[in-house]
C-alpha atoms as a PDB file:
ATOM      1  CA  MET A   1      31.980 255.190 191.294  1.00  0.00           C
ATOM      2  CA  ALA A   2      32.752 251.517 190.769  1.00  0.00           C
ATOM      3  CA  THR A   3      36.354 250.382 190.688  1.00  0.00           C
ATOM      4  CA  PRO A   4      37.779 247.402 188.810  1.00  0.00           C
ATOM      5  CA  SER A   5      38.325 244.129 190.567  1.00  0.00           C
ATOM      6  CA  SER A   6      41.716 243.398 192.111  1.00  0.00           C
ATOM      7  CA  GLY A   7      44.485 242.927 189.557  1.00  0.00           C
ATOM      8  CA  THR A   8      42.475 244.479 186.708  1.00  0.00           C
ATOM      9  CA  LYS A   9      43.970 247.431 184.917  1.00  0.00           C
ATOM     10  CA  LYS A  10      41.776 250.537 185.146  1.00  0.00           C
ATOM     11  CA  ARG A  11      40.363 251.866 181.900  1.00  0.00           C
ATOM     12  CA  LYS A  12      38.453 255.077 181.459  1.00  0.00           C
ATOM     13  CA  ALA A  13      35.550 256.423 179.429  1.00  0.00           C
ATOM     14  CA  ASP A  14      35.221 260.118 178.648  1.00  0.00           C
ATOM     15  CA  ASP A  15      32.193 262.340 179.068  1.00  0.00           C
ATOM     16  CA  SER A  16      33.159 265.421 177.093  1.00  0.00           C
ATOM     17  CA  SER A  17      31.334 268.731 177.113  1.00  0.00           C
ATOM     18  CA  ASN A  18      32.713 272.226 176.445  1.00  0.00           C
ATOM     19  CA  GLY A  19      36.259 270.940 176.623  1.00  0.00           C
ATOM     20  CA  LYS A  20      35.749 269.338 180.035  1.00  0.00           C
ATOM     21  CA  THR A  21      36.129 265.607 180.537  1.00  0.00           C
ATOM     22  CA  LYS A  22      34.390 263.444 183.096  1.00  0.00           C
ATOM     23  CA  LYS A  23      36.250 260.221 183.844  1.00  0.00           C
ATOM     24  CA  PHE A  24      34.468 256.954 184.647  1.00  0.00           C
ATOM     25  CA  ARG A  25      36.446 253.910 185.843  1.00  0.00           C
ATOM     26  CA  THR A  26      35.453 250.448 184.760  1.00  0.00           C
ATOM     27  CA  GLU A  27      36.809 247.046 183.810  1.00  0.00           C
ATOM     28  CA  PHE A  28      35.296 247.268 180.310  1.00  0.00           C
ATOM     29  CA  SER A  29      37.261 248.492 177.276  1.00  0.00           C
ATOM     30  CA  ALA A  30      35.202 248.889 174.048  1.00  0.00           C
ATOM     31  CA  THR A  31      33.301 252.173 173.974  1.00  0.00           C
ATOM     32  CA  ILE A  32      30.401 253.702 172.069  1.00  0.00           C
ATOM     33  CA  THR A  33      29.376 257.290 171.472  1.00  0.00           C
ATOM     34  CA  VAL A  34      25.969 258.395 172.713  1.00  0.00           C
ATOM     35  CA  ILE A  35      24.422 261.598 171.388  1.00  0.00           C
ATOM     36  CA  VAL A  36      21.746 262.907 173.745  1.00  0.00           C
ATOM     37  CA  ARG A  37      19.517 265.590 172.294  1.00  0.00           C
ATOM     38  CA  SER A  38      16.754 267.650 173.905  1.00  0.00           C
ATOM     39  CA  GLY A  39      15.366 270.468 171.779  1.00  0.00           C
ATOM     40  CA  ASP A  40      18.301 272.486 170.489  1.00  0.00           C
ATOM     41  CA  LEU A  41      20.661 271.117 173.147  1.00  0.00           C
ATOM     42  CA  GLU A  42      22.927 268.245 172.197  1.00  0.00           C
ATOM     43  CA  ARG A  43      25.526 266.481 174.290  1.00  0.00           C
ATOM     44  CA  THR A  44      27.964 263.743 173.338  1.00  0.00           C
ATOM     45  CA  LEU A  45      29.115 261.118 175.833  1.00  0.00           C
ATOM     46  CA  THR A  46      31.366 258.089 175.566  1.00  0.00           C
ATOM     47  CA  VAL A  47      30.420 254.991 177.546  1.00  0.00           C
ATOM     48  CA  HIS A  48      31.544 251.387 177.788  1.00  0.00           C
ATOM     49  CA  GLU A  49      29.584 249.202 175.405  1.00  0.00           C
ATOM     50  CA  ASP A  50      29.570 245.962 177.381  1.00  0.00           C
ATOM     51  CA  LEU A  51      28.409 247.649 180.566  1.00  0.00           C
ATOM     52  CA  ILE A  52      25.500 249.597 179.120  1.00  0.00           C
ATOM     53  CA  CYS A  53      24.408 246.719 176.873  1.00  0.00           C
ATOM     54  CA  SER A  54      24.314 244.426 179.899  1.00  0.00           C
ATOM     55  CA  ARG A  55      21.776 246.802 181.484  1.00  0.00           C
ATOM     56  CA  SER A  56      19.735 248.143 178.575  1.00  0.00           C
ATOM     57  CA  ASP A  57      17.727 246.249 175.953  1.00  0.00           C
ATOM     58  CA  PHE A  58      17.720 249.434 173.861  1.00  0.00           C
ATOM     59  CA  PHE A  59      21.515 249.690 173.758  1.00  0.00           C
ATOM     60  CA  LYS A  60      21.894 245.954 173.235  1.00  0.00           C
ATOM     61  CA  ALA A  61      19.768 246.261 170.113  1.00  0.00           C
ATOM     62  CA  ALA A  62      21.420 249.522 169.042  1.00  0.00           C
ATOM     63  CA  CYS A  63      24.867 247.936 169.131  1.00  0.00           C
ATOM     64  CA  SER A  64      23.803 244.871 167.188  1.00  0.00           C
ATOM     65  CA  ALA A  65      24.806 244.412 163.553  1.00  0.00           C
ATOM     66  CA  THR A  66      21.242 245.064 162.370  1.00  0.00           C
ATOM     67  CA  TRP A  67      21.332 248.760 163.297  1.00  0.00           C
ATOM     68  CA  ALA A  68      22.557 251.249 160.693  1.00  0.00           C
ATOM     69  CA  ASN A  69      24.939 253.063 163.057  1.00  0.00           C
ATOM     70  CA  ALA A  70      26.239 249.946 164.809  1.00  0.00           C
ATOM     71  CA  ALA A  71      29.507 249.872 162.858  1.00  0.00           C
ATOM     72  CA  GLU A  72      30.223 253.502 163.765  1.00  0.00           C
ATOM     73  CA  LYS A  73      29.380 252.774 167.399  1.00  0.00           C
ATOM     74  CA  VAL A  74      27.121 255.832 167.561  1.00  0.00           C
ATOM     75  CA  VAL A  75      23.776 255.720 169.362  1.00  0.00           C
ATOM     76  CA  LYS A  76      21.372 258.666 169.327  1.00  0.00           C
ATOM     77  CA  LEU A  77      18.925 259.471 172.128  1.00  0.00           C
ATOM     78  CA  PRO A  78      16.539 262.144 170.825  1.00  0.00           C
ATOM     79  CA  HIS A  79      14.149 263.898 173.181  1.00  0.00           C
ATOM     80  CA  SER A  80      16.190 262.897 176.234  1.00  0.00           C
ATOM     81  CA  ASN A  81      17.594 264.935 179.101  1.00  0.00           C
ATOM     82  CA  SER A  82      21.389 264.722 179.243  1.00  0.00           C
ATOM     83  CA  ARG A  83      21.456 265.297 183.009  1.00  0.00           C
ATOM     84  CA  ILE A  84      19.093 262.406 183.628  1.00  0.00           C
ATOM     85  CA  PHE A  85      21.125 260.208 181.286  1.00  0.00           C
ATOM     86  CA  ARG A  86      24.292 261.212 183.171  1.00  0.00           C
ATOM     87  CA  LEU A  87      22.609 260.189 186.429  1.00  0.00           C
ATOM     88  CA  TYR A  88      21.709 256.855 184.826  1.00  0.00           C
ATOM     89  CA  LEU A  89      25.334 256.347 183.802  1.00  0.00           C
ATOM     90  CA  GLU A  90      26.577 257.209 187.280  1.00  0.00           C
ATOM     91  CA  TRP A  91      24.211 254.625 188.710  1.00  0.00           C
ATOM     92  CA  ILE A  92      25.236 251.789 186.366  1.00  0.00           C
ATOM     93  CA  TYR A  93      28.927 252.597 186.823  1.00  0.00           C
ATOM     94  CA  ALA A  94      28.306 252.395 190.567  1.00  0.00           C
ATOM     95  CA  LYS A  95      26.968 248.893 189.859  1.00  0.00           C
ATOM     96  CA  GLY A  96      23.442 249.818 190.864  1.00  0.00           C
ATOM     97  CA  ASN A  97      24.325 251.093 194.335  1.00  0.00           C
ATOM     98  CA  ASP A  98      23.022 254.064 196.343  1.00  0.00           C
ATOM     99  CA  LEU A  99      20.621 255.682 193.896  1.00  0.00           C
ATOM    100  CA  ALA A 100      19.290 257.858 196.728  1.00  0.00           C
ATOM    101  CA  GLY A 101      22.793 259.207 197.380  1.00  0.00           C
ATOM    102  CA  LEU A 102      23.366 259.960 193.697  1.00  0.00           C
ATOM    103  CA  VAL A 103      20.075 261.844 193.517  1.00  0.00           C
ATOM    104  CA  ARG A 104      20.897 263.864 196.639  1.00  0.00           C
ATOM    105  CA  SER A 105      24.220 264.802 195.090  1.00  0.00           C
ATOM    106  CA  ALA A 106      22.494 265.858 191.867  1.00  0.00           C
ATOM    107  CA  VAL A 107      20.178 268.269 193.686  1.00  0.00           C
ATOM    108  CA  LYS A 108      22.544 269.444 196.446  1.00  0.00           C
ATOM    109  CA  GLU A 109      22.503 273.047 195.211  1.00  0.00           C
ATOM    110  CA  ILE A 110      18.724 273.287 195.258  1.00  0.00           C
ATOM    111  CA  GLU A 111      17.234 275.163 198.222  1.00  0.00           C
ATOM    112  CA  ASP A 112      15.969 272.865 200.978  1.00  0.00           C
ATOM    113  CA  ARG A 113      12.399 273.976 200.441  1.00  0.00           C
ATOM    114  CA  ALA A 114      12.425 272.740 196.862  1.00  0.00           C
ATOM    115  CA  VAL A 115      14.625 269.665 197.292  1.00  0.00           C
ATOM    116  CA  ARG A 116      11.945 267.018 197.828  1.00  0.00           C
ATOM    117  CA  ASP A 117       9.830 268.210 194.915  1.00  0.00           C
ATOM    118  CA  PHE A 118      12.880 268.280 192.644  1.00  0.00           C
ATOM    119  CA  ILE A 119      13.954 264.825 193.813  1.00  0.00           C
ATOM    120  CA  TYR A 120      10.564 263.471 192.779  1.00  0.00           C
ATOM    121  CA  GLN A 121      11.056 265.018 189.344  1.00  0.00           C
ATOM    122  CA  VAL A 122      14.532 263.532 188.945  1.00  0.00           C
ATOM    123  CA  LEU A 123      13.418 260.055 190.027  1.00  0.00           C
ATOM    124  CA  CYS A 124      10.324 260.141 187.809  1.00  0.00           C
ATOM    125  CA  TRP A 125      12.335 261.248 184.783  1.00  0.00           C
ATOM    126  CA  LEU A 126      14.922 258.541 185.518  1.00  0.00           C
ATOM    127  CA  TRP A 127      12.148 255.925 185.582  1.00  0.00           C
ATOM    128  CA  VAL A 128      10.854 257.227 182.237  1.00  0.00           C
ATOM    129  CA  LEU A 129      14.361 257.043 180.742  1.00  0.00           C
ATOM    130  CA  ALA A 130      14.920 253.529 182.113  1.00  0.00           C
ATOM    131  CA  ASP A 131      11.587 252.471 180.628  1.00  0.00           C
ATOM    132  CA  TYR A 132      12.672 253.801 177.213  1.00  0.00           C
ATOM    133  CA  LEU A 133      16.053 252.078 177.533  1.00  0.00           C
ATOM    134  CA  GLY A 134      14.520 248.796 178.654  1.00  0.00           C
ATOM    135  CA  ASP A 135      16.342 248.608 181.989  1.00  0.00           C
ATOM    136  CA  ARG A 136      13.981 246.834 184.381  1.00  0.00           C
ATOM    137  CA  GLY A 137      16.516 246.871 187.185  1.00  0.00           C
ATOM    138  CA  CYS A 138      16.771 250.659 187.127  1.00  0.00           C
ATOM    139  CA  LYS A 139      13.001 251.073 187.017  1.00  0.00           C
ATOM    140  CA  ASN A 140      12.586 248.802 190.006  1.00  0.00           C
ATOM    141  CA  GLU A 141      15.340 250.606 191.903  1.00  0.00           C
ATOM    142  CA  VAL A 142      13.596 253.948 191.302  1.00  0.00           C
ATOM    143  CA  ILE A 143      10.413 252.455 192.771  1.00  0.00           C
ATOM    144  CA  ASP A 144      12.320 251.174 195.812  1.00  0.00           C
ATOM    145  CA  THR A 145      14.035 254.540 196.301  1.00  0.00           C
ATOM    146  CA  LEU A 146      10.754 256.426 196.104  1.00  0.00           C
ATOM    147  CA  ILE A 147       9.190 254.174 198.717  1.00  0.00           C
ATOM    148  CA  ARG A 148      12.160 253.767 201.031  1.00  0.00           C
ATOM    149  CA  ASP A 149      13.869 257.171 200.897  1.00  0.00           C
ATOM    150  CA  TYR A 150      11.386 259.690 199.484  1.00  0.00           C
ATOM    151  CA  ASN A 151       7.978 258.376 200.428  1.00  0.00           C
ATOM    152  CA  CYS A 152       5.514 261.272 200.335  1.00  0.00           C
ATOM    153  CA  ASN A 153       3.840 260.011 203.514  1.00  0.00           C
ATOM    154  CA  SER A 154       4.451 263.256 205.392  1.00  0.00           C
ATOM    155  CA  VAL A 155       4.997 265.856 202.686  1.00  0.00           C
ATOM    156  CA  GLY A 156       2.936 264.826 199.725  1.00  0.00           C
ATOM    157  CA  VAL A 157       3.636 265.169 196.029  1.00  0.00           C
ATOM    158  CA  SER A 158       3.015 268.313 194.018  1.00  0.00           C
ATOM    159  CA  THR A 159       0.521 268.568 191.189  1.00  0.00           C
ATOM    160  CA  ARG A 160       3.501 269.323 188.913  1.00  0.00           C
ATOM    161  CA  ILE A 161       4.934 265.857 189.588  1.00  0.00           C
ATOM    162  CA  MET A 162       1.508 264.291 189.115  1.00  0.00           C
ATOM    163  CA  ALA A 163       1.285 265.943 185.700  1.00  0.00           C
ATOM    164  CA  VAL A 164       4.724 264.643 184.675  1.00  0.00           C
ATOM    165  CA  VAL A 165       3.882 261.077 185.700  1.00  0.00           C
ATOM    166  CA  GLU A 166       0.458 261.160 184.067  1.00  0.00           C
ATOM    167  CA  ARG A 167       1.904 262.542 180.828  1.00  0.00           C
ATOM    168  CA  GLU A 168       5.019 260.360 180.576  1.00  0.00           C
ATOM    169  CA  ALA A 169       4.057 257.171 182.428  1.00  0.00           C
ATOM    170  CA  GLN A 170       0.298 256.869 182.335  1.00  0.00           C
ATOM    171  CA  GLY A 171      -0.942 253.456 183.445  1.00  0.00           C
ATOM    172  CA  SER A 172       2.537 252.399 184.548  1.00  0.00           C
ATOM    173  CA  ASP A 173       3.879 250.913 187.769  1.00  0.00           C
ATOM    174  CA  LEU A 174       5.383 254.330 188.510  1.00  0.00           C
ATOM    175  CA  GLU A 175       1.974 255.968 188.329  1.00  0.00           C
ATOM    176  CA  ARG A 176       0.460 253.248 190.539  1.00  0.00           C
ATOM    177  CA  VAL A 177       3.019 253.697 193.291  1.00  0.00           C
ATOM    178  CA  MET A 178       2.741 257.489 193.200  1.00  0.00           C
ATOM    179  CA  ILE A 179      -1.060 257.287 193.433  1.00  0.00           C
ATOM    180  CA  ASP A 180      -0.808 254.945 196.405  1.00  0.00           C
ATOM    181  CA  MET A 181       1.895 256.984 198.161  1.00  0.00           C
ATOM    182  CA  ALA A 182      -0.049 260.217 197.774  1.00  0.00           C
ATOM    183  CA  PHE A 183      -3.372 258.858 199.037  1.00  0.00           C
ATOM    184  CA  PRO A 184      -2.750 258.943 202.828  1.00  0.00           C
ATOM    185  CA  VAL A 185      -1.595 262.550 202.563  1.00  0.00           C
ATOM    186  CA  ILE A 186      -4.625 263.518 200.516  1.00  0.00           C
ATOM    187  CA  MET A 187      -6.846 261.999 203.194  1.00  0.00           C
ATOM    188  CA  ARG A 188      -5.219 264.108 205.896  1.00  0.00           C
ATOM    189  CA  ARG A 189      -5.099 267.340 203.942  1.00  0.00           C
ATOM    190  CA  ASP A 190      -8.837 267.715 203.627  1.00  0.00           C
ATOM    191  CA  SER A 191      -8.227 270.141 200.784  1.00  0.00           C
ATOM    192  CA  THR A 192     -10.862 270.108 198.072  1.00  0.00           C
ATOM    193  CA  GLU A 193      -9.004 272.889 196.264  1.00  0.00           C
ATOM    194  CA  PHE A 194      -5.851 270.764 196.011  1.00  0.00           C
ATOM    195  CA  VAL A 195      -7.713 267.641 194.903  1.00  0.00           C
ATOM    196  CA  ASP A 196      -9.416 269.656 192.163  1.00  0.00           C
ATOM    197  CA  LYS A 197      -5.948 270.290 190.680  1.00  0.00           C
ATOM    198  CA  CYS A 198      -4.999 266.615 190.672  1.00  0.00           C
ATOM    199  CA  PRO A 199      -5.290 264.376 187.570  1.00  0.00           C
ATOM    200  CA  PRO A 200      -8.835 263.001 187.334  1.00  0.00           C
ATOM    201  CA  ALA A 201      -7.517 259.451 186.929  1.00  0.00           C
ATOM    202  CA  TRP A 202      -5.664 259.760 190.237  1.00  0.00           C
ATOM    203  CA  VAL A 203      -8.722 261.131 192.023  1.00  0.00           C
ATOM    204  CA  ALA A 204     -10.811 258.247 190.632  1.00  0.00           C
ATOM    205  CA  GLN A 205      -8.331 255.734 192.092  1.00  0.00           C
ATOM    206  CA  TRP A 206      -8.435 257.478 195.463  1.00  0.00           C
ATOM    207  CA  PHE A 207     -12.230 257.323 195.531  1.00  0.00           C
ATOM    208  CA  LYS A 208     -12.088 253.588 194.761  1.00  0.00           C
ATOM    209  CA  LYS A 209     -10.034 253.126 197.908  1.00  0.00           C
ATOM    210  CA  LEU A 210     -12.896 254.659 199.895  1.00  0.00           C
ATOM    211  CA  LEU A 211     -15.516 252.237 198.623  1.00  0.00           C
ATOM    212  CA  PRO A 212     -17.206 250.003 201.196  1.00  0.00           C
ATOM    213  CA  GLY A 213     -15.415 246.733 201.732  1.00  0.00           C
ATOM    214  CA  LYS A 214     -11.949 248.120 201.108  1.00  0.00           C
ATOM    215  CA  ASN A 215      -9.340 247.047 203.619  1.00  0.00           C
ATOM    216  CA  ALA A 216      -8.381 249.761 206.103  1.00  0.00           C
ATOM    217  CA  VAL A 217      -4.704 249.195 205.322  1.00  0.00           C
ATOM    218  CA  ASP A 218      -5.348 249.729 201.632  1.00  0.00           C
ATOM    219  CA  ARG A 219      -7.248 252.904 202.413  1.00  0.00           C
ATOM    220  CA  GLN A 220      -5.080 254.642 204.966  1.00  0.00           C
ATOM    221  CA  GLU A 221      -1.541 253.402 205.548  1.00  0.00           C
ATOM    222  CA  ALA A 222       1.537 254.610 203.704  1.00  0.00           C
ATOM    223  CA  VAL A 223       3.185 252.326 201.167  1.00  0.00           C
ATOM    224  CA  ASN A 224       5.829 250.191 202.861  1.00  0.00           C
ATOM    225  CA  ILE A 225       9.065 248.969 201.276  1.00  0.00           C
ATOM    226  CA  SER A 226       7.919 245.398 201.913  1.00  0.00           C
ATOM    227  CA  GLU A 227       5.214 246.010 199.297  1.00  0.00           C
ATOM    228  CA  ALA A 228       7.643 247.252 196.627  1.00  0.00           C
ATOM    229  CA  CYS A 229       7.549 244.053 194.589  1.00  0.00           C
ATOM    230  CA  LYS A 230       3.973 244.640 193.445  1.00  0.00           C
ATOM    231  CA  TYR A 231       5.167 247.787 191.661  1.00  0.00           C
ATOM    232  CA  HIS A 232       8.160 246.061 190.059  1.00  0.00           C
ATOM    233  CA  GLU A 233       8.473 244.857 186.492  1.00  0.00           C
ATOM    234  CA  HIS A 234       9.539 241.222 186.100  1.00  0.00           C
ATOM    235  CA  ALA A 235      10.718 239.391 183.022  1.00  0.00           C
ATOM    236  CA  GLU A 236       8.528 236.574 181.731  1.00  0.00           C
ATOM    237  CA  GLY A 237       9.230 233.484 183.801  1.00  0.00           C
ATOM    238  CA  GLU A 238      11.248 235.433 186.356  1.00  0.00           C
ATOM    239  CA  ASP A 239      10.529 234.770 190.009  1.00  0.00           C
ATOM    240  CA  ARG A 240       8.844 237.557 191.928  1.00  0.00           C
ATOM    241  CA  CYS A 241      11.262 239.331 194.207  1.00  0.00           C
ATOM    242  CA  SER A 242      11.059 238.494 197.887  1.00  0.00           C
ATOM    243  CA  GLU A 243      10.346 241.047 200.576  1.00  0.00           C
ATOM    244  CA  THR A 244      12.682 243.991 200.121  1.00  0.00           C
ATOM    245  CA  ALA A 245      14.453 245.288 203.168  1.00  0.00           C
END
């Protein structure tokens, strides 16, 4: 977790659930209450207003005077997963560092055989949440982490993950990078049965890569971190990011 700068008194925000409190350290003081609800499950968390508003367009708007609950400092997140939101908070409190490490920690109790598949799910759901919250930096970091740390070059991505991405992020940069990362593996698998289970839109994109005139790199090689920028979201007028190392 992030620690305050030298000479700054530490303040804490509470994450309360079933009588247990999770402490976050930060240099910010004013807090807001976030109610995360998924189905019948509801969880209440307390976070630092300045920090989350500096990251999220959604929270910046929610804490403005124009919102009905702004005075009460209560923000509701319906249809959201509290665990994914907790991961998001851990990442912003860590000042955007080591997303891969945070994800590994979140899935450390999952059996090795299922870890990679579950990691894909966690990262995809985090991207979806960041998209809803309007946090471009988090979305771009998810893309970088997928490419750099969990590229499906050798293992591939399950049809379950494909279904999640197609349902929640159709036509997005996340879907584009997953399609491109999966393609080299699909080419090596030579499995018509597996391809038949894939989303038709993904299969159509893979066939386009096989059309005459396509560059061999575009058709065969795994996505490299140096290409991450083309899957990033940039604000209007913002410079494109340079090669990512």
